[in-house]
Amino acid sequence: MKKYITIIITGLTFSTLHAQETTPEDALRYAVENLTGSARYRSMGGAFGAVGGDLSALKQNPAGSLFFNNNYATATASIYNTKNSSLYSGTRTKDTDTSLDLNQAGIVFIFNDDKGKTDWKKIAVAFNYENTNNFNNNIFSAGTNLYNSVGNYFLNQANGNGGIPLELLETQPGETFYELYDYLGTLPDSSYPNVNGFQAQQAFLGYTTYLFDSNSPNSYTSNVPAANYSQQNYYTSTGYNGKIIGNFATQYKDILFLGLNINAHFTDYVRATSLREQNDGQAANGVSYIRFDNELHTYGAGFSFNLGAIVKIVPQFRVGLAYESPTWYRLTDELAQHLESDYSSNSVSNTYVADPDIVNVYAPYKIQTPSKWTGSMAYIYGKKGLLSIDVSTKDYSTTRFKPKNEYPYTGPNGLNQFLNNNLQNAIEVRIGGEYKIKEFSLRGGYHFDQSPYKVDQTFGDLTGYSAGVGYNFGESRLDLAYSYEHRNMNQALISSGMPDPARISRYNNNVAISYSVNF
């Protein structure tokens, strides 16, 4: 006989709480760049630091806007296709996602000193929007774990930091499930100064669904039997990271080109996960099934700036140097959770559902991404084409969560110390070329992004190739690009209690088309 016991509060409620559980992935989502932009920029691997003449090149070196001869505008649409192959506990699964996006639009205005009254010959003012990251992604992982249950996560939360007091996990007379869940999220307070709210909420969900029982007021024992655990994890993310660039650049004679960008960033990210487990335990008492759902919504805005210079050594050869400041983001997280289990007592199975139907809105926090230096060289061989190379360096160990003195960012075991100890100064290399045949332009590119981790098993190097073609109509141009990227990484199914990550091989295949016009 199976009974269904549901603990649910109808009606969506919002509650503002203290910091939730953050991970290095939350920082790298904004610190790691992607090859995006116009079709010409993508087809040459983004190697535009000393080339300029493309609106997407402004983010590589803001002096590049001076290499437009006329007022110019570009718009780009892209098809993003992401394929993920997941290896978990010896089982390989695959998933894919395809989306269409208008990812770039920009305009530049050129002002020439036609009277020759000054050596500052030209001024460029430009505005460009780019979707710098498309977060649409699907990953499905499945396998049989011989050692670790999903229930370990909730047990760890209950026993961590000296243990959550049992009195906090039991509703008092007249107190509803929702009211206790809401109160736990506001901890610590003067009554429980050592209890973290997020940890207490997770323990409460596990206790309510009988994933563990208490054996003392601050200690708990799992109700999940030793068994083989068949596990499935569904991961879906959507959203974008966008940037609006305001550019100003000026040219001294035909030698020195200087530029400045002021950048406004904004982001909207939604990640939904559903982790499910069925075990083959035959005990009369214990948990046989667990389902844990989470939906995280992160949104906010940021600010950064760029400085850049390009020097013509000779008419055919240019060098460039550019600095990109850290991006200072202010973000807000919203989290909704759902947990259910099948628990047997004396061979009678009950289904317990803990669904507070509440969106936890956490206090805003800040992320500072690392700064970046880029050195560039380009050789322009007449009107036939060009070759270019960009080399960038970015110290990911300087990535920081703020406020620095708040949990979970501070201390020797805090997240900022982890970033400092495990991330490194990484190198990016971009190589591109273009060859013109009458009105046609043939292009190719290569880019390599070193892993931000010292040990790249967690988040590997990225290797990418690209190709494209363009046709010049005279006053307008049409460009088409294809780019391919591959990266391996580990993905934890849950943050603790299951140290067995899925190994993800990610393949990005993107097609971009741009239309540009002189005016």
Protein backbone atom coordinates (compact mmCIF):
# COMPACT_ATOMS: atom_id res chain seq x y z
CA MET A 1 0.00 0.00 0.00
CA LYS A 2 1.41 3.38 -0.97
CA LYS A 3 0.31 6.63 0.61
CA TYR A 4 0.92 10.13 -0.74
CA ILE A 5 1.73 12.82 1.78
CA THR A 6 2.19 16.28 0.32
CA ILE A 7 3.54 19.29 2.16
CA ILE A 8 2.76 22.23 -0.07
CA ILE A 9 1.71 25.84 0.21
CA THR A 10 -0.34 27.14 -2.68
CA GLY A 11 0.35 30.53 -4.15
CA LEU A 12 3.79 31.73 -5.19
CA THR A 13 5.61 33.69 -2.48
CA PHE A 14 8.84 35.68 -2.55
CA SER A 15 11.19 35.98 0.41
CA THR A 16 14.42 37.97 0.64
CA LEU A 17 17.16 35.92 2.32
CA HIS A 18 20.87 35.84 3.02
CA ALA A 19 23.46 34.47 0.58
CA GLN A 20 22.73 31.14 -1.06
CA GLU A 21 25.25 28.52 -2.10
CA THR A 22 27.53 29.89 -4.83
CA THR A 23 30.17 27.99 -6.79
CA PRO A 24 33.15 28.79 -9.05
CA GLU A 25 30.85 28.08 -12.01
CA ASP A 26 28.82 31.16 -11.08
CA ALA A 27 31.91 33.36 -11.49
CA LEU A 28 33.31 31.67 -14.62
CA ARG A 29 29.95 32.06 -16.33
CA TYR A 30 30.82 35.77 -16.66
CA ALA A 31 34.63 35.67 -16.62
CA VAL A 32 35.13 33.26 -19.55
CA GLU A 33 34.57 34.88 -22.95
CA ASN A 34 33.03 33.33 -26.03
CA LEU A 35 33.67 33.93 -29.71
CA THR A 36 30.66 36.02 -30.69
CA GLY A 37 30.01 39.01 -32.92
CA SER A 38 29.71 39.73 -36.61
CA ALA A 39 30.20 37.03 -39.25
CA ARG A 40 33.48 38.56 -40.47
CA TYR A 41 34.84 38.74 -36.92
CA ARG A 42 33.90 35.14 -36.16
CA SER A 43 35.17 33.71 -39.43
CA MET A 44 38.66 35.09 -38.69
CA GLY A 45 38.70 33.69 -35.17
CA GLY A 46 38.29 37.11 -33.55
CA ALA A 47 41.86 38.11 -34.49
CA PHE A 48 41.07 41.79 -35.00
CA GLY A 49 43.16 43.58 -32.38
CA ALA A 50 45.36 45.33 -34.97
CA VAL A 51 42.95 45.05 -37.92
CA GLY A 52 39.88 47.01 -36.87
CA GLY A 53 37.31 47.99 -39.43
CA ASP A 54 34.63 45.75 -37.87
CA LEU A 55 32.14 46.72 -35.18
CA SER A 56 32.77 43.53 -33.20
CA ALA A 57 36.51 44.35 -33.24
CA LEU A 58 35.80 47.24 -30.84
CA LYS A 59 35.75 44.83 -27.91
CA GLN A 60 39.22 43.55 -28.87
CA ASN A 61 40.76 46.99 -29.38
CA PRO A 62 38.66 50.19 -29.26
CA ALA A 63 41.06 51.98 -31.63
CA GLY A 64 39.79 49.73 -34.42
CA SER A 65 36.83 52.01 -35.16
CA LEU A 66 39.23 54.42 -36.92
CA PHE A 67 39.76 51.96 -39.78
CA PHE A 68 36.30 52.59 -41.17
CA ASN A 69 36.39 55.01 -44.11
CA ASN A 70 32.70 55.96 -43.91
CA ASN A 71 29.74 55.83 -41.59
CA TYR A 72 28.91 52.17 -41.25
CA ALA A 73 26.30 49.86 -39.70
CA THR A 74 26.14 46.09 -39.20
CA ALA A 75 23.53 43.64 -37.90
CA THR A 76 24.11 39.92 -37.28
CA ALA A 77 21.87 36.91 -36.73
CA SER A 78 23.23 33.59 -35.49
CA ILE A 79 22.20 29.98 -35.14
CA TYR A 80 23.70 28.38 -32.02
CA ASN A 81 23.93 24.60 -31.87
CA THR A 82 25.38 22.94 -28.77
CA LYS A 83 25.94 19.20 -28.50
CA ASN A 84 26.87 17.63 -25.17
CA SER A 85 28.17 14.13 -24.64
CA SER A 86 28.08 13.09 -20.97
CA LEU A 87 29.97 10.17 -19.41
CA TYR A 88 28.73 9.31 -15.92
CA SER A 89 29.49 6.10 -14.02
CA GLY A 90 30.41 4.34 -17.26
CA THR A 91 27.26 5.37 -19.14
CA ARG A 92 27.38 7.80 -22.05
CA THR A 93 24.40 9.99 -22.95
CA LYS A 94 23.90 12.83 -25.41
CA ASP A 95 21.77 15.95 -25.65
CA THR A 96 21.57 18.98 -27.93
CA ASP A 97 20.16 22.49 -28.10
CA THR A 98 19.63 24.81 -31.07
CA SER A 99 18.55 28.45 -30.92
CA LEU A 100 18.34 31.50 -33.18
CA ASP A 101 19.40 34.94 -32.00
CA LEU A 102 19.87 38.48 -33.32
CA ASN A 103 23.17 38.79 -31.50
CA GLN A 104 24.84 41.94 -32.82
CA ALA A 105 23.87 45.39 -34.07
CA GLY A 106 26.02 48.48 -34.26
CA ILE A 107 26.84 51.75 -35.97
CA VAL A 108 29.91 53.97 -36.34
CA PHE A 109 30.16 57.62 -37.37
CA ILE A 110 33.38 58.93 -38.93
CA PHE A 111 34.45 62.59 -38.74
CA ASN A 112 37.42 63.56 -40.92
CA ASP A 113 39.49 66.75 -40.75
CA ASP A 114 39.30 67.50 -44.48
CA LYS A 115 40.89 70.96 -44.07
CA GLY A 116 44.12 69.60 -42.61
CA LYS A 117 44.24 72.13 -39.78
CA THR A 118 45.49 69.59 -37.22
CA ASP A 119 47.51 66.39 -37.10
CA TRP A 120 44.54 64.69 -35.40
CA LYS A 121 42.98 63.65 -38.67
CA LYS A 122 39.94 61.62 -37.72
CA ILE A 123 37.44 60.97 -34.94
CA ALA A 124 35.20 57.90 -34.69
CA VAL A 125 32.14 57.53 -32.47
CA ALA A 126 30.50 54.11 -32.37
CA PHE A 127 27.81 52.16 -30.56
CA ASN A 128 27.56 48.39 -30.63
CA TYR A 129 25.37 45.80 -28.96
CA GLU A 130 26.49 42.19 -28.66
CA ASN A 131 25.03 39.12 -27.06
CA THR A 132 28.39 38.04 -25.62
CA ASN A 133 27.11 34.70 -24.36
CA ASN A 134 24.11 32.59 -25.28
CA PHE A 135 23.32 30.44 -22.24
CA ASN A 136 20.90 28.07 -24.00
CA ASN A 137 22.10 24.56 -23.23
CA ASN A 138 20.83 21.05 -22.45
CA ILE A 139 22.77 18.28 -20.70
CA PHE A 140 21.45 14.85 -19.79
CA SER A 141 23.57 12.58 -17.58
CA ALA A 142 22.63 9.09 -16.40
CA GLY A 143 24.35 6.13 -14.80
CA THR A 144 24.45 3.74 -11.87
CA ASN A 145 26.39 5.01 -8.87
CA LEU A 146 27.64 2.14 -6.71
CA TYR A 147 28.55 4.22 -3.67
CA ASN A 148 26.92 7.64 -3.29
CA SER A 149 23.27 8.58 -3.00
CA VAL A 150 21.64 11.94 -3.62
CA GLY A 151 20.53 11.68 0.00
CA ASN A 152 24.14 12.28 1.10
CA TYR A 153 23.77 15.92 0.09
CA PHE A 154 20.95 16.54 2.54
CA LEU A 155 22.66 14.51 5.26
CA ASN A 156 25.81 16.60 4.82
CA GLN A 157 23.79 19.79 5.14
CA ALA A 158 22.16 18.55 8.35
CA ASN A 159 25.46 17.42 9.94
CA GLY A 160 27.68 20.22 8.62
CA ASN A 161 29.22 22.94 10.81
CA GLY A 162 28.42 21.12 14.02
CA GLY A 163 24.94 20.06 12.94
CA ILE A 164 21.62 21.83 12.52
CA PRO A 165 19.71 21.78 15.85
CA LEU A 166 16.81 19.33 15.65
CA GLU A 167 14.46 21.93 17.12
CA LEU A 168 14.92 23.99 13.96
CA LEU A 169 13.81 21.16 11.67
CA GLU A 170 10.48 20.45 13.37
CA THR A 171 7.47 22.69 13.02
CA GLN A 172 6.05 24.00 16.27
CA PRO A 173 2.33 24.04 17.14
CA GLY A 174 0.60 26.55 14.92
CA GLU A 175 3.60 26.87 12.60
CA THR A 176 3.23 25.89 8.95
CA PHE A 177 5.77 24.17 6.74
CA TYR A 178 6.07 27.33 4.66
CA GLU A 179 6.63 29.56 7.70
CA LEU A 180 9.47 27.41 9.00
CA TYR A 181 11.12 27.09 5.59
CA ASP A 182 10.90 30.87 5.19
CA TYR A 183 12.31 31.53 8.66
CA LEU A 184 15.25 29.15 8.17
CA GLY A 185 16.32 31.09 5.11
CA THR A 186 16.76 34.26 7.16
CA LEU A 187 19.34 32.70 9.52
CA PRO A 188 21.72 33.43 11.13
CA ASP A 189 20.05 35.60 13.76
CA SER A 190 20.64 36.31 17.43
CA SER A 191 19.00 33.02 18.45
CA TYR A 192 21.10 30.89 16.06
CA PRO A 193 24.22 32.93 15.20
CA ASN A 194 26.12 29.90 13.85
CA VAL A 195 23.40 28.50 11.58
CA ASN A 196 23.52 29.32 7.87
CA GLY A 197 20.10 29.83 6.34
CA PHE A 198 20.63 28.03 3.05
CA GLN A 199 22.15 25.00 4.79
CA ALA A 200 19.24 24.90 7.25
CA GLN A 201 16.68 25.01 4.44
CA GLN A 202 18.33 22.08 2.67
CA ALA A 203 18.44 20.07 5.88
CA PHE A 204 14.78 20.88 6.51
CA LEU A 205 13.76 19.60 3.07
CA GLY A 206 15.66 16.34 3.64
CA TYR A 207 14.28 15.86 7.15
CA THR A 208 10.71 16.52 6.02
CA THR A 209 10.95 13.86 3.30
CA TYR A 210 12.54 11.28 5.63
CA LEU A 211 15.89 11.13 3.88
CA PHE A 212 17.48 10.99 7.34
CA ASP A 213 16.55 10.73 11.02
CA SER A 214 18.11 12.23 14.12
CA ASN A 215 20.17 10.17 16.57
CA SER A 216 20.88 13.17 18.82
CA PRO A 217 19.79 16.83 18.86
CA ASN A 218 22.56 17.81 16.39
CA SER A 219 23.42 14.56 14.59
CA TYR A 220 21.63 12.62 11.86
CA THR A 221 21.74 9.21 10.15
CA SER A 222 20.70 8.43 6.58
CA ASN A 223 17.53 6.51 5.76
CA VAL A 224 18.85 5.64 2.30
CA PRO A 225 20.02 2.01 2.28
CA ALA A 226 23.32 0.83 0.84
CA ALA A 227 22.47 -0.15 -2.74
CA ASN A 228 23.12 0.54 -6.39
CA TYR A 229 21.78 4.01 -7.20
CA SER A 230 20.38 4.55 -10.67
CA GLN A 231 20.67 8.31 -11.21
CA GLN A 232 19.54 10.73 -13.90
CA ASN A 233 20.25 14.44 -14.09
CA TYR A 234 18.43 16.81 -16.44
CA TYR A 235 20.14 20.19 -16.88
CA THR A 236 18.61 23.02 -18.91
CA SER A 237 19.79 26.62 -19.07
CA THR A 238 18.50 29.62 -20.99
CA GLY A 239 19.33 33.30 -21.17
CA TYR A 240 22.04 35.64 -22.35
CA ASN A 241 24.85 37.96 -21.35
CA GLY A 242 24.71 41.23 -23.28
CA LYS A 243 26.99 44.23 -23.67
CA ILE A 244 26.44 47.74 -25.03
CA ILE A 245 29.63 49.51 -26.11
CA GLY A 246 30.03 53.26 -26.38
CA ASN A 247 33.23 53.93 -28.35
CA PHE A 248 35.34 57.05 -28.96
CA ALA A 249 38.58 56.99 -30.96
CA THR A 250 40.95 59.48 -32.53
CA GLN A 251 43.79 59.26 -35.06
CA TYR A 252 47.13 61.11 -35.02
CA LYS A 253 48.45 61.54 -38.58
CA ASP A 254 48.48 58.12 -40.24
CA ILE A 255 50.55 56.53 -37.49
CA LEU A 256 48.82 56.39 -34.11
CA PHE A 257 45.24 55.31 -33.39
CA LEU A 258 43.78 55.61 -29.87
CA GLY A 259 40.41 54.38 -28.56
CA LEU A 260 38.22 54.15 -25.48
CA ASN A 261 35.15 52.00 -24.75
CA ILE A 262 32.63 52.44 -21.96
CA ASN A 263 30.67 49.21 -21.59
CA ALA A 264 27.31 48.46 -19.97
CA HIS A 265 26.69 44.77 -19.25
CA PHE A 266 23.44 43.04 -18.42
CA THR A 267 22.58 39.41 -17.87
CA ASP A 268 19.59 37.13 -17.44
CA TYR A 269 20.26 33.46 -16.72
CA VAL A 270 17.89 30.62 -15.81
CA ARG A 271 19.09 27.13 -14.90
CA ALA A 272 16.69 24.27 -14.17
CA THR A 273 17.95 20.92 -12.89
CA SER A 274 16.12 17.73 -11.98
CA LEU A 275 18.18 15.04 -10.24
CA ARG A 276 16.45 11.66 -9.82
CA GLU A 277 17.53 8.48 -8.09
CA GLN A 278 16.07 4.99 -7.82
CA ASN A 279 17.86 2.35 -5.74
CA ASP A 280 17.54 -1.42 -5.77
CA GLY A 281 17.50 -1.80 -1.97
CA GLN A 282 15.00 -4.38 -0.69
CA ALA A 283 14.90 -3.28 2.95
CA ALA A 284 11.52 -3.01 4.69
CA ASN A 285 12.52 0.44 5.96
CA GLY A 286 14.21 3.20 4.01
CA VAL A 287 14.17 5.48 0.98
CA SER A 288 13.90 3.95 -2.49
CA TYR A 289 13.34 7.02 -4.69
CA ILE A 290 14.46 10.69 -4.60
CA ARG A 291 13.73 13.59 -6.93
CA PHE A 292 15.33 16.98 -6.32
CA ASP A 293 14.42 19.94 -8.57
CA ASN A 294 16.00 23.39 -8.56
CA GLU A 295 15.41 26.48 -10.66
CA LEU A 296 17.94 29.29 -10.34
CA HIS A 297 17.34 32.70 -11.90
CA THR A 298 20.28 35.14 -11.91
CA TYR A 299 19.94 38.66 -13.27
CA GLY A 300 21.79 41.93 -12.99
CA ALA A 301 24.07 44.45 -14.65
CA GLY A 302 27.71 45.47 -14.75
CA PHE A 303 30.24 48.02 -15.95
CA SER A 304 33.68 47.90 -17.62
CA PHE A 305 35.93 49.92 -19.91
CA ASN A 306 38.58 49.33 -22.60
CA LEU A 307 41.63 51.28 -23.70
CA GLY A 308 43.47 50.56 -26.93
CA ALA A 309 46.16 51.76 -29.31
CA ILE A 310 47.21 50.72 -32.81
CA VAL A 311 50.42 51.85 -34.48
CA LYS A 312 51.22 51.63 -38.19
CA ILE A 313 54.89 50.66 -38.31
CA VAL A 314 54.73 50.77 -42.11
CA PRO A 315 51.58 51.00 -44.26
CA GLN A 316 51.40 47.20 -44.48
CA PHE A 317 52.22 46.31 -40.88
CA ARG A 318 50.35 47.26 -37.71
CA VAL A 319 50.72 46.43 -34.04
CA GLY A 320 48.15 46.92 -31.30
CA LEU A 321 47.91 46.87 -27.53
CA ALA A 322 44.64 46.88 -25.58
CA TYR A 323 43.55 46.74 -21.96
CA GLU A 324 40.15 45.52 -20.78
CA SER A 325 39.23 46.37 -17.21
CA PRO A 326 37.53 43.95 -14.83
CA THR A 327 33.78 43.84 -15.19
CA TRP A 328 32.02 44.75 -11.97
CA TYR A 329 28.68 42.93 -11.81
CA ARG A 330 25.88 43.38 -9.31
CA LEU A 331 23.70 40.26 -9.40
CA THR A 332 20.60 38.87 -7.73
CA ASP A 333 19.73 35.18 -7.38
CA GLU A 334 16.26 33.69 -7.10
CA LEU A 335 15.89 30.00 -6.26
CA ALA A 336 12.88 27.67 -6.19
CA GLN A 337 13.17 24.08 -4.94
CA HIS A 338 11.14 20.87 -4.90
CA LEU A 339 12.02 17.57 -3.20
CA GLU A 340 10.15 14.29 -3.06
CA SER A 341 10.93 10.77 -1.88
CA ASP A 342 9.47 7.31 -1.54
CA TYR A 343 10.03 6.10 2.03
CA SER A 344 9.04 2.69 3.39
CA SER A 345 8.32 1.93 7.00
CA ASN A 346 7.49 -1.68 7.90
CA SER A 347 7.09 -2.39 4.16
CA VAL A 348 4.47 0.37 3.78
CA SER A 349 5.61 2.91 1.17
CA ASN A 350 4.71 6.60 1.37
CA THR A 351 5.55 9.38 -1.06
CA TYR A 352 6.59 12.60 0.63
CA VAL A 353 6.67 15.87 -1.30
CA ALA A 354 8.33 18.99 0.11
CA ASP A 355 7.29 21.83 -2.15
CA PRO A 356 7.34 25.16 -0.31
CA ASP A 357 6.13 26.97 -3.46
CA ILE A 358 8.34 29.90 -2.54
CA VAL A 359 10.94 31.77 -4.54
CA ASN A 360 13.93 32.62 -2.37
CA VAL A 361 15.23 36.04 -3.40
CA TYR A 362 18.76 36.44 -2.04
CA ALA A 363 20.47 39.67 -1.15
CA PRO A 364 22.39 41.14 -4.13
CA TYR A 365 26.07 40.31 -4.41
CA LYS A 366 28.93 41.39 -6.65
CA ILE A 367 31.34 39.57 -8.94
CA GLN A 368 34.54 41.13 -10.23
CA THR A 369 35.90 39.36 -13.31
CA PRO A 370 39.62 39.53 -14.24
CA SER A 371 41.16 42.22 -16.41
CA LYS A 372 42.74 41.37 -19.76
CA TRP A 373 45.70 42.52 -21.87
CA THR A 374 45.86 41.87 -25.62
CA GLY A 375 48.81 42.31 -27.96
CA SER A 376 48.17 42.18 -31.72
CA MET A 377 49.94 42.19 -35.07
CA ALA A 378 48.51 42.40 -38.58
CA TYR A 379 50.00 42.39 -42.05
CA ILE A 380 47.87 43.97 -44.79
CA TYR A 381 49.00 42.97 -48.26
CA GLY A 382 47.43 45.62 -50.45
CA LYS A 383 43.84 45.05 -51.42
CA LYS A 384 44.31 41.28 -51.59
CA GLY A 385 43.90 40.40 -47.93
CA LEU A 386 45.49 40.23 -44.50
CA LEU A 387 46.95 38.01 -41.80
CA SER A 388 46.58 38.78 -38.09
CA ILE A 389 47.32 37.34 -34.67
CA ASP A 390 46.15 38.32 -31.18
CA VAL A 391 47.57 37.02 -27.91
CA SER A 392 45.75 37.82 -24.67
CA THR A 393 46.46 37.16 -21.02
CA LYS A 394 43.88 37.04 -18.23
CA ASP A 395 44.55 36.17 -14.58
CA TYR A 396 41.45 34.28 -13.47
CA SER A 397 42.79 33.93 -9.92
CA THR A 398 41.85 37.60 -9.37
CA THR A 399 38.14 36.80 -9.81
CA ARG A 400 36.28 37.85 -6.68
CA PHE A 401 32.89 37.58 -5.04
CA LYS A 402 31.86 40.53 -2.88
CA PRO A 403 31.13 41.54 -0.12
CA LYS A 404 34.47 39.89 0.70
CA ASN A 405 33.69 39.54 4.41
CA GLU A 406 30.45 37.61 4.02
CA TYR A 407 29.73 33.89 3.92
CA PRO A 408 30.49 31.95 1.76
CA TYR A 409 33.16 34.16 0.21
CA THR A 410 35.50 34.82 3.12
CA GLY A 411 37.94 32.79 5.20
CA PRO A 412 40.56 30.13 4.43
CA ASN A 413 37.84 27.79 3.11
CA GLY A 414 35.86 30.54 1.39
CA LEU A 415 35.05 30.75 -2.27
CA ASN A 416 37.44 33.64 -2.97
CA GLN A 417 40.35 31.69 -1.49
CA PHE A 418 39.40 28.70 -3.65
CA LEU A 419 39.47 30.88 -6.76
CA ASN A 420 42.83 32.32 -5.77
CA ASN A 421 44.33 28.87 -5.13
CA ASN A 422 42.92 26.97 -8.12
CA LEU A 423 42.63 29.44 -11.00
CA GLN A 424 45.53 30.70 -13.08
CA ASN A 425 46.76 33.31 -15.52
CA ALA A 426 45.50 31.94 -18.85
CA ILE A 427 46.51 32.66 -22.43
CA GLU A 428 44.23 33.19 -25.43
CA VAL A 429 45.54 32.94 -29.01
CA ARG A 430 43.57 34.05 -32.07
CA ILE A 431 44.79 33.78 -35.66
CA GLY A 432 42.87 34.94 -38.72
CA GLY A 433 43.28 35.55 -42.41
CA GLU A 434 41.33 36.99 -45.31
CA TYR A 435 41.88 36.75 -49.07
CA LYS A 436 39.91 38.80 -51.60
CA ILE A 437 38.95 37.71 -55.10
CA LYS A 438 37.18 40.63 -56.78
CA GLU A 439 33.97 41.15 -54.78
CA PHE A 440 34.41 37.94 -52.78
CA SER A 441 36.34 37.54 -49.53
CA LEU A 442 37.45 34.14 -48.23
CA ARG A 443 38.29 33.90 -44.53
CA GLY A 444 39.56 31.45 -41.96
CA GLY A 445 40.49 31.50 -38.30
CA TYR A 446 41.73 29.58 -35.27
CA HIS A 447 41.39 30.35 -31.58
CA PHE A 448 42.67 28.68 -28.45
CA ASP A 449 41.58 29.57 -24.91
CA GLN A 450 43.60 28.06 -22.09
CA SER A 451 41.68 26.66 -19.13
CA PRO A 452 41.20 29.09 -16.23
CA TYR A 453 42.06 26.19 -13.87
CA LYS A 454 45.60 25.16 -12.95
CA VAL A 455 44.43 21.55 -13.33
CA ASP A 456 42.27 21.64 -16.42
CA GLN A 457 40.29 18.46 -15.73
CA THR A 458 37.57 20.58 -14.13
CA PHE A 459 37.23 23.00 -17.04
CA GLY A 460 39.44 22.23 -20.03
CA ASP A 461 41.10 24.20 -22.80
CA LEU A 462 38.94 25.37 -25.68
CA THR A 463 39.97 24.88 -29.30
CA GLY A 464 38.05 26.45 -32.16
CA TYR A 465 38.15 26.75 -35.93
CA SER A 466 36.17 29.01 -38.22
CA ALA A 467 35.65 29.86 -41.87
CA GLY A 468 33.57 32.29 -43.84
CA VAL A 469 32.83 34.11 -47.04
CA GLY A 470 31.76 37.66 -47.82
CA TYR A 471 30.43 39.48 -50.86
CA ASN A 472 30.84 43.22 -51.38
CA PHE A 473 27.97 44.89 -53.25
CA GLY A 474 29.69 48.28 -53.22
CA GLU A 475 27.73 50.25 -50.67
CA SER A 476 26.80 47.15 -48.65
CA ARG A 477 28.21 43.74 -47.81
CA LEU A 478 26.88 40.30 -46.87
CA ASP A 479 29.01 37.96 -44.75
CA LEU A 480 28.53 34.35 -43.69
CA ALA A 481 30.56 32.47 -41.06
CA TYR A 482 30.76 29.00 -39.54
CA SER A 483 32.60 28.33 -36.29
CA TYR A 484 33.33 25.14 -34.36
CA GLU A 485 34.49 24.85 -30.75
CA HIS A 486 35.23 21.98 -28.40
CA ARG A 487 35.84 21.86 -24.66
CA ASN A 488 35.81 19.09 -22.00
CA MET A 489 34.70 19.76 -18.44
CA ASN A 490 33.43 18.10 -15.28
CA GLN A 491 29.90 18.72 -14.05
CA ALA A 492 28.91 17.88 -10.50
CA LEU A 493 25.37 16.55 -10.25
CA ILE A 494 25.07 18.16 -6.81
CA SER A 495 27.41 20.31 -4.73
CA SER A 496 28.26 17.82 -1.95
CA GLY A 497 27.84 14.19 -0.96
CA MET A 498 28.41 12.90 -4.50
CA PRO A 499 32.04 13.42 -5.54
CA ASP A 500 31.42 11.65 -8.85
CA PRO A 501 31.13 14.26 -11.62
CA ALA A 502 29.84 13.70 -15.11
CA ARG A 503 32.49 14.24 -17.79
CA ILE A 504 31.05 16.56 -20.43
CA SER A 505 32.37 16.95 -23.95
CA ARG A 506 30.81 20.09 -25.43
CA TYR A 507 30.75 20.85 -29.15
CA ASN A 508 29.51 24.22 -30.42
CA ASN A 509 28.59 24.63 -34.09
CA ASN A 510 27.49 28.17 -34.92
CA VAL A 511 26.44 29.88 -38.13
CA ALA A 512 26.31 33.68 -38.37
CA ILE A 513 25.13 35.98 -41.15
CA SER A 514 25.78 39.74 -41.18
CA TYR A 515 24.57 42.57 -43.36
CA SER A 516 26.60 45.78 -43.39
CA VAL A 517 26.01 49.10 -45.13
CA ASN A 518 28.00 52.29 -45.78
CA PHE A 519 26.05 55.52 -45.52
